PDB file of N, CA and C in Angstrom:
ATOM      1  N   MET A   1      17.975  -0.852 -22.978  1.00  0.00           N
ATOM      2  CA  MET A   1      18.880  -1.048 -22.232  1.00  0.00           C
ATOM      3  C   MET A   1      18.475  -2.100 -21.195  1.00  0.00           C
ATOM      4  N   THR A   2      19.667  -3.390 -20.905  1.00  0.00           N
ATOM      5  CA  THR A   2      19.573  -4.249 -20.062  1.00  0.00           C
ATOM      6  C   THR A   2      20.416  -4.701 -19.056  1.00  0.00           C
ATOM      7  N   ASN A   3      19.773  -5.450 -17.849  1.00  0.00           N
ATOM      8  CA  ASN A   3      20.765  -5.304 -17.193  1.00  0.00           C
ATOM      9  C   ASN A   3      22.207  -6.070 -17.391  1.00  0.00           C
ATOM     10  N   THR A   4      21.932  -7.068 -18.277  1.00  0.00           N
ATOM     11  CA  THR A   4      23.117  -7.794 -19.545  1.00  0.00           C
ATOM     12  C   THR A   4      24.111  -6.747 -19.821  1.00  0.00           C
ATOM     13  N   LYS A   5      23.678  -6.404 -20.129  1.00  0.00           N
ATOM     14  CA  LYS A   5      24.662  -4.990 -20.748  1.00  0.00           C
ATOM     15  C   LYS A   5      25.635  -4.758 -19.655  1.00  0.00           C
ATOM     16  N   ILE A   6      24.412  -4.093 -18.738  1.00  0.00           N
ATOM     17  CA  ILE A   6      25.515  -3.537 -17.257  1.00  0.00           C
ATOM     18  C   ILE A   6      26.293  -4.365 -16.556  1.00  0.00           C
ATOM     19  N   GLU A   7      25.733  -5.720 -16.462  1.00  0.00           N
ATOM     20  CA  GLU A   7      26.972  -6.532 -15.836  1.00  0.00           C
ATOM     21  C   GLU A   7      27.567  -7.078 -16.431  1.00  0.00           C
ATOM     22  N   LEU A   8      27.653  -7.041 -17.828  1.00  0.00           N
ATOM     23  CA  LEU A   8      28.891  -7.552 -18.925  1.00  0.00           C
ATOM     24  C   LEU A   8      29.939  -5.943 -18.765  1.00  0.00           C
ATOM     25  N   PHE A   9      29.352  -4.991 -18.961  1.00  0.00           N
ATOM     26  CA  PHE A   9      30.029  -3.833 -19.006  1.00  0.00           C
ATOM     27  C   PHE A   9      30.860  -4.128 -17.385  1.00  0.00           C
ATOM     28  N   GLU A  10      30.522  -4.315 -16.686  1.00  0.00           N
ATOM     29  CA  GLU A  10      31.381  -4.271 -15.091  1.00  0.00           C
ATOM     30  C   GLU A  10      32.547  -5.649 -14.975  1.00  0.00           C
ATOM     31  N   GLU A  11      31.899  -6.761 -15.574  1.00  0.00           N
ATOM     32  CA  GLU A  11      32.664  -7.850 -15.359  1.00  0.00           C
ATOM     33  C   GLU A  11      34.024  -7.572 -16.545  1.00  0.00           C
ATOM     34  N   LEU A  12      33.613  -6.878 -17.474  1.00  0.00           N
ATOM     35  CA  LEU A  12      34.800  -6.172 -18.349  1.00  0.00           C
ATOM     36  C   LEU A  12      35.685  -5.159 -17.448  1.00  0.00           C
ATOM     37  N   CYS A  13      35.047  -4.562 -17.361  1.00  0.00           N
ATOM     38  CA  CYS A  13      35.967  -3.596 -16.524  1.00  0.00           C
ATOM     39  C   CYS A  13      36.660  -4.242 -15.202  1.00  0.00           C
ATOM     40  N   LYS A  14      36.195  -4.793 -14.662  1.00  0.00           N
ATOM     41  CA  LYS A  14      36.917  -5.452 -13.314  1.00  0.00           C
ATOM     42  C   LYS A  14      37.729  -5.804 -14.016  1.00  0.00           C
ATOM     43  N   ALA A  15      38.001  -7.121 -15.048  1.00  0.00           N
ATOM     44  CA  ALA A  15      38.996  -7.771 -15.256  1.00  0.00           C
ATOM     45  C   ALA A  15      39.981  -7.020 -16.384  1.00  0.00           C
ATOM     46  N   HIS A  16      39.633  -6.127 -16.648  1.00  0.00           N
ATOM     47  CA  HIS A  16      40.724  -4.988 -17.711  1.00  0.00           C
ATOM     48  C   HIS A  16      41.836  -4.302 -17.091  1.00  0.00           C
ATOM     49  N   ASP A  17      42.881  -4.738 -17.783  1.00  0.00           N
ATOM     50  CA  ASP A  17      44.268  -4.286 -17.350  1.00  0.00           C
ATOM     51  C   ASP A  17      43.848  -2.628 -17.141  1.00  0.00           C
ATOM     52  N   ILE A  18      43.800  -2.104 -15.986  1.00  0.00           N
ATOM     53  CA  ILE A  18      43.547  -0.581 -17.230  1.00  0.00           C
ATOM     54  C   ILE A  18      45.251   0.169 -17.248  1.00  0.00           C
ATOM     55  N   THR A  19      46.431  -0.254 -16.772  1.00  0.00           N
ATOM     56  CA  THR A  19      47.131   0.735 -16.889  1.00  0.00           C
ATOM     57  C   THR A  19      48.488  -0.536 -18.321  1.00  0.00           C
ATOM     58  N   TYR A  20      47.206  -0.605 -19.257  1.00  0.00           N
ATOM     59  CA  TYR A  20      47.836  -1.485 -20.206  1.00  0.00           C
ATOM     60  C   TYR A  20      48.751  -0.639 -21.160  1.00  0.00           C
ATOM     61  N   SER A  21      48.100   0.758 -21.510  1.00  0.00           N
ATOM     62  CA  SER A  21      48.737   1.384 -22.090  1.00  0.00           C
ATOM     63  C   SER A  21      50.626   1.990 -21.913  1.00  0.00           C
ATOM     64  N   TYR A  22      50.988   1.333 -20.559  1.00  0.00           N
ATOM     65  CA  TYR A  22      51.938   1.582 -20.143  1.00  0.00           C
ATOM     66  C   TYR A  22      53.140   0.128 -20.256  1.00  0.00           C
ATOM     67  N   SER A  23      52.205  -0.747 -20.859  1.00  0.00           N
ATOM     68  CA  SER A  23      53.042  -2.401 -20.924  1.00  0.00           C
ATOM     69  C   SER A  23      54.328  -2.176 -22.197  1.00  0.00           C
ATOM     70  N   ASP A  24      55.545  -2.569 -21.895  1.00  0.00           N
ATOM     71  CA  ASP A  24      56.487  -2.891 -23.166  1.00  0.00           C
ATOM     72  C   ASP A  24      56.183  -4.013 -23.754  1.00  0.00           C
ATOM     73  N   ASP A  25      55.349  -4.704 -23.290  1.00  0.00           N
ATOM     74  CA  ASP A  25      55.139  -6.337 -23.904  1.00  0.00           C
ATOM     75  C   ASP A  25      54.004  -5.735 -25.584  1.00  0.00           C
ATOM     76  N   HIS A  26      53.931  -5.880 -26.128  1.00  0.00           N
ATOM     77  CA  HIS A  26      52.703  -5.293 -27.622  1.00  0.00           C
ATOM     78  C   HIS A  26      51.861  -6.359 -27.506  1.00  0.00           C
ATOM     79  N   SER A  27      52.154  -7.657 -26.762  1.00  0.00           N
ATOM     80  CA  SER A  27      51.031  -8.510 -26.839  1.00  0.00           C
ATOM     81  C   SER A  27      49.761  -8.073 -25.467  1.00  0.00           C
ATOM     82  N   ALA A  28      50.554  -7.401 -24.364  1.00  0.00           N
ATOM     83  CA  ALA A  28      49.642  -7.309 -23.512  1.00  0.00           C
ATOM     84  C   ALA A  28      48.954  -5.896 -23.873  1.00  0.00           C
ATOM     85  N   TRP A  29      49.798  -5.310 -24.704  1.00  0.00           N
ATOM     86  CA  TRP A  29      49.343  -3.827 -24.822  1.00  0.00           C
ATOM     87  C   TRP A  29      48.226  -3.993 -25.726  1.00  0.00           C
ATOM     88  N   GLN A  30      48.329  -4.729 -26.806  1.00  0.00           N
ATOM     89  CA  GLN A  30      46.966  -4.917 -27.482  1.00  0.00           C
ATOM     90  C   GLN A  30      45.935  -5.800 -27.059  1.00  0.00           C
ATOM     91  N   LYS A  31      46.046  -6.965 -26.306  1.00  0.00           N
ATOM     92  CA  LYS A  31      44.946  -7.179 -25.646  1.00  0.00           C
ATOM     93  C   LYS A  31      44.144  -6.174 -24.793  1.00  0.00           C
ATOM     94  N   GLY A  32      45.046  -5.474 -23.789  1.00  0.00           N
ATOM     95  CA  GLY A  32      44.340  -4.090 -22.914  1.00  0.00           C
ATOM     96  C   GLY A  32      43.626  -3.367 -24.130  1.00  0.00           C
ATOM     97  N   HIS A  33      44.138  -3.055 -25.207  1.00  0.00           N
ATOM     98  CA  HIS A  33      43.583  -2.399 -26.528  1.00  0.00           C
ATOM     99  C   HIS A  33      42.528  -2.620 -26.597  1.00  0.00           C
ATOM    100  N   ASP A  34      42.651  -4.363 -27.178  1.00  0.00           N
ATOM    101  CA  ASP A  34      41.119  -4.614 -27.532  1.00  0.00           C
ATOM    102  C   ASP A  34      40.337  -4.425 -26.703  1.00  0.00           C
ATOM    103  N   GLU A  35      40.401  -4.926 -25.054  1.00  0.00           N
ATOM    104  CA  GLU A  35      39.360  -4.805 -24.023  1.00  0.00           C
ATOM    105  C   GLU A  35      38.420  -3.647 -24.201  1.00  0.00           C
ATOM    106  N   TYR A  36      39.323  -2.336 -24.230  1.00  0.00           N
ATOM    107  CA  TYR A  36      39.715  -1.225 -23.848  1.00  0.00           C
ATOM    108  C   TYR A  36      38.161  -0.503 -25.022  1.00  0.00           C
ATOM    109  N   ALA A  37      38.856  -1.250 -26.020  1.00  0.00           N
ATOM    110  CA  ALA A  37      37.803  -0.612 -27.351  1.00  0.00           C
ATOM    111  C   ALA A  37      36.162  -1.802 -26.765  1.00  0.00           C
ATOM    112  N   LYS A  38      36.806  -2.725 -26.469  1.00  0.00           N
ATOM    113  CA  LYS A  38      34.896  -2.983 -26.063  1.00  0.00           C
ATOM    114  C   LYS A  38      34.362  -2.763 -24.899  1.00  0.00           C
ATOM    115  N   ILE A  39      34.986  -1.895 -24.262  1.00  0.00           N
ATOM    116  CA  ILE A  39      34.680  -1.431 -23.072  1.00  0.00           C
ATOM    117  C   ILE A  39      33.989  -0.064 -23.570  1.00  0.00           C
ATOM    118  N   MET A  40      34.780   0.710 -24.450  1.00  0.00           N
ATOM    119  CA  MET A  40      33.958   1.825 -24.690  1.00  0.00           C
ATOM    120  C   MET A  40      32.546   1.466 -25.781  1.00  0.00           C
ATOM    121  N   GLU A  41      32.652   0.469 -26.138  1.00  0.00           N
ATOM    122  CA  GLU A  41      31.735   0.486 -27.248  1.00  0.00           C
ATOM    123  C   GLU A  41      30.574  -0.139 -26.206  1.00  0.00           C
ATOM    124  N   LEU A  42      30.238  -0.904 -25.367  1.00  0.00           N
ATOM    125  CA  LEU A  42      29.325  -1.287 -24.268  1.00  0.00           C
ATOM    126  C   LEU A  42      28.772   0.022 -23.747  1.00  0.00           C
ATOM    127  N   SER A  43      29.853   0.754 -23.045  1.00  0.00           N
ATOM    128  CA  SER A  43      29.311   1.739 -22.655  1.00  0.00           C
ATOM    129  C   SER A  43      28.683   2.888 -23.606  1.00  0.00           C
ATOM    130  N   GLU A  44      28.347   3.029 -24.485  1.00  0.00           N
ATOM    131  CA  GLU A  44      27.345   3.293 -25.206  1.00  0.00           C
ATOM    132  C   GLU A  44      26.103   3.094 -25.293  1.00  0.00           C
ATOM    133  N   ASP A  45      25.924   1.782 -24.850  1.00  0.00           N
ATOM    134  CA  ASP A  45      24.533   1.018 -24.558  1.00  0.00           C
ATOM    135  C   ASP A  45      23.990   1.169 -23.305  1.00  0.00           C
ATOM    136  N   ILE A  46      24.614   1.975 -22.406  1.00  0.00           N
ATOM    137  CA  ILE A  46      24.154   1.896 -21.293  1.00  0.00           C
ATOM    138  C   ILE A  46      24.279   3.707 -20.798  1.00  0.00           C
ATOM    139  N   PRO A  47      23.109   3.861 -19.722  1.00  0.00           N
ATOM    140  CA  PRO A  47      23.576   5.524 -19.607  1.00  0.00           C
ATOM    141  C   PRO A  47      24.800   5.806 -18.889  1.00  0.00           C
ATOM    142  N   GLN A  48      25.185   6.978 -19.636  1.00  0.00           N
ATOM    143  CA  GLN A  48      26.727   7.404 -19.183  1.00  0.00           C
ATOM    144  C   GLN A  48      26.931   7.518 -17.679  1.00  0.00           C
ATOM    145  N   TYR A  49      26.218   7.933 -16.644  1.00  0.00           N
ATOM    146  CA  TYR A  49      26.017   7.527 -15.385  1.00  0.00           C
ATOM    147  C   TYR A  49      26.800   6.641 -14.706  1.00  0.00           C
ATOM    148  N   ILE A  50      25.847   5.497 -15.547  1.00  0.00           N
ATOM    149  CA  ILE A  50      26.215   3.796 -14.665  1.00  0.00           C
ATOM    150  C   ILE A  50      27.557   3.795 -15.574  1.00  0.00           C
ATOM    151  N   ALA A  51      28.043   3.784 -16.504  1.00  0.00           N
ATOM    152  CA  ALA A  51      28.807   3.222 -17.237  1.00  0.00           C
ATOM    153  C   ALA A  51      30.298   4.168 -16.485  1.00  0.00           C
ATOM    154  N   MET A  52      29.896   5.457 -16.235  1.00  0.00           N
ATOM    155  CA  MET A  52      31.061   6.295 -15.521  1.00  0.00           C
ATOM    156  C   MET A  52      31.505   5.803 -14.211  1.00  0.00           C
ATOM    157  N   THR A  53      30.283   5.288 -13.300  1.00  0.00           N
ATOM    158  CA  THR A  53      30.305   5.014 -12.046  1.00  0.00           C
ATOM    159  C   THR A  53      31.041   3.472 -11.798  1.00  0.00           C
ATOM    160  N   ILE A  54      30.218   3.158 -12.853  1.00  0.00           N
ATOM    161  CA  ILE A  54      31.537   1.207 -12.788  1.00  0.00           C
ATOM    162  C   ILE A  54      32.767   1.220 -13.145  1.00  0.00           C
ATOM    163  N   TRP A  55      32.912   1.974 -13.784  1.00  0.00           N
ATOM    164  CA  TRP A  55      34.524   2.784 -14.452  1.00  0.00           C
ATOM    165  C   TRP A  55      35.455   2.680 -13.305  1.00  0.00           C
ATOM    166  N   ASN A  56      34.475   4.236 -12.918  1.00  0.00           N
ATOM    167  CA  ASN A  56      35.885   5.046 -11.602  1.00  0.00           C
ATOM    168  C   ASN A  56      35.787   3.985 -10.809  1.00  0.00           C
ATOM    169  N   ARG A  57      34.797   3.152 -10.269  1.00  0.00           N
ATOM    170  CA  ARG A  57      35.363   1.875  -9.296  1.00  0.00           C
ATOM    171  C   ARG A  57      35.979   1.225  -9.000  1.00  0.00           C
ATOM    172  N   CYS A  58      36.300   1.040 -10.314  1.00  0.00           N
ATOM    173  CA  CYS A  58      37.282  -0.092 -10.676  1.00  0.00           C
ATOM    174  C   CYS A  58      38.330   0.798 -10.603  1.00  0.00           C
ATOM    175  N   VAL A  59      38.553   1.693 -10.845  1.00  0.00           N
ATOM    176  CA  VAL A  59      39.957   2.414 -11.236  1.00  0.00           C
ATOM    177  C   VAL A  59      40.164   2.357  -9.454  1.00  0.00           C
ATOM    178  N   PHE A  60      39.556   2.964  -9.037  1.00  0.00           N
ATOM    179  CA  PHE A  60      39.730   3.520  -7.190  1.00  0.00           C
ATOM    180  C   PHE A  60      40.311   2.121  -7.179  1.00  0.00           C
ATOM    181  N   GLU A  61      39.536   1.136  -7.551  1.00  0.00           N
ATOM    182  CA  GLU A  61      40.243  -0.571  -6.576  1.00  0.00           C
ATOM    183  C   GLU A  61      41.182  -0.933  -6.893  1.00  0.00           C
ATOM    184  N   LYS A  62      41.763  -0.964  -8.118  1.00  0.00           N
ATOM    185  CA  LYS A  62      42.935  -1.027  -8.957  1.00  0.00           C
ATOM    186  C   LYS A  62      43.909  -0.657  -8.091  1.00  0.00           C
ATOM    187  N   LEU A  63      43.566   0.808  -8.509  1.00  0.00           N
ATOM    188  CA  LEU A  63      44.671   1.497  -8.647  1.00  0.00           C
ATOM    189  C   LEU A  63      45.531   2.078  -7.050  1.00  0.00           C
ATOM    190  N   SER A  64      46.302   2.924  -7.088  1.00  0.00           N
ATOM    191  CA  SER A  64      47.082   3.466  -5.459  1.00  0.00           C
ATOM    192  C   SER A  64      46.709   4.838  -5.724  1.00  0.00           C
ATOM    193  N   GLU A  65      46.451   5.226  -4.701  1.00  0.00           N
ATOM    194  CA  GLU A  65      45.910   7.023  -5.246  1.00  0.00           C
ATOM    195  C   GLU A  65      46.588   7.739  -5.236  1.00  0.00           C
ATOM    196  N   ASP A  66      48.020   7.425  -5.973  1.00  0.00           N
ATOM    197  CA  ASP A  66      48.875   8.214  -7.060  1.00  0.00           C
ATOM    198  C   ASP A  66      48.732   8.659  -8.022  1.00  0.00           C
ATOM    199  N   PHE A  67      47.995   7.400  -8.850  1.00  0.00           N
ATOM    200  CA  PHE A  67      47.128   7.195 -10.159  1.00  0.00           C
ATOM    201  C   PHE A  67      46.222   7.300 -10.944  1.00  0.00           C
ATOM    202  N   ILE A  68      45.382   7.590  -9.552  1.00  0.00           N
ATOM    203  CA  ILE A  68      44.119   7.746  -9.744  1.00  0.00           C
ATOM    204  C   ILE A  68      43.568   8.179 -10.759  1.00  0.00           C
ATOM    205  N   GLU A  69      43.485  10.035 -10.428  1.00  0.00           N
ATOM    206  CA  GLU A  69      43.314  11.185 -11.347  1.00  0.00           C
ATOM    207  C   GLU A  69      43.190  10.642 -12.732  1.00  0.00           C
ATOM    208  N   GLU A  70      44.069  10.555 -13.343  1.00  0.00           N
ATOM    209  CA  GLU A  70      44.472  10.168 -14.497  1.00  0.00           C
ATOM    210  C   GLU A  70      43.730   9.314 -15.512  1.00  0.00           C
ATOM    211  N   PHE A  71      43.076   8.359 -14.350  1.00  0.00           N
ATOM    212  CA  PHE A  71      41.939   7.123 -15.527  1.00  0.00           C
ATOM    213  C   PHE A  71      40.555   7.236 -15.683  1.00  0.00           C
ATOM    214  N   LEU A  72      40.235   8.679 -14.604  1.00  0.00           N
ATOM    215  CA  LEU A  72      38.945   8.357 -13.795  1.00  0.00           C
ATOM    216  C   LEU A  72      38.410   9.081 -15.268  1.00  0.00           C
ATOM    217  N   TRP A  73      36.954   8.450 -15.844  1.00  0.00           N
ATOM    218  CA  TRP A  73      36.182   9.240 -16.625  1.00  0.00           C
ATOM    219  C   TRP A  73      35.241  10.560 -15.555  1.00  0.00           C
ATOM    220  N   LYS A  74      35.471  11.266 -16.475  1.00  0.00           N
ATOM    221  CA  LYS A  74      34.896  12.717 -15.963  1.00  0.00           C
ATOM    222  C   LYS A  74      34.150  13.031 -16.835  1.00  0.00           C
TER     223      LYS A  74
END
């Protein structure tokens, strides 16, 4: 494991449209789907507690309180 993978994971999470699955625009949905697949792939290369902490922090930063619970990794 390198810090580079963790940094890349964090960059991808910060840039990711967490609510892509609700998009009516197929190209936006596809982009979000592909990004999430890459996020999931990278999450396997770093310790799970780090991946979960980074992802959940991004969820809290991006979403209103009403929607946070459905997107948190547990």
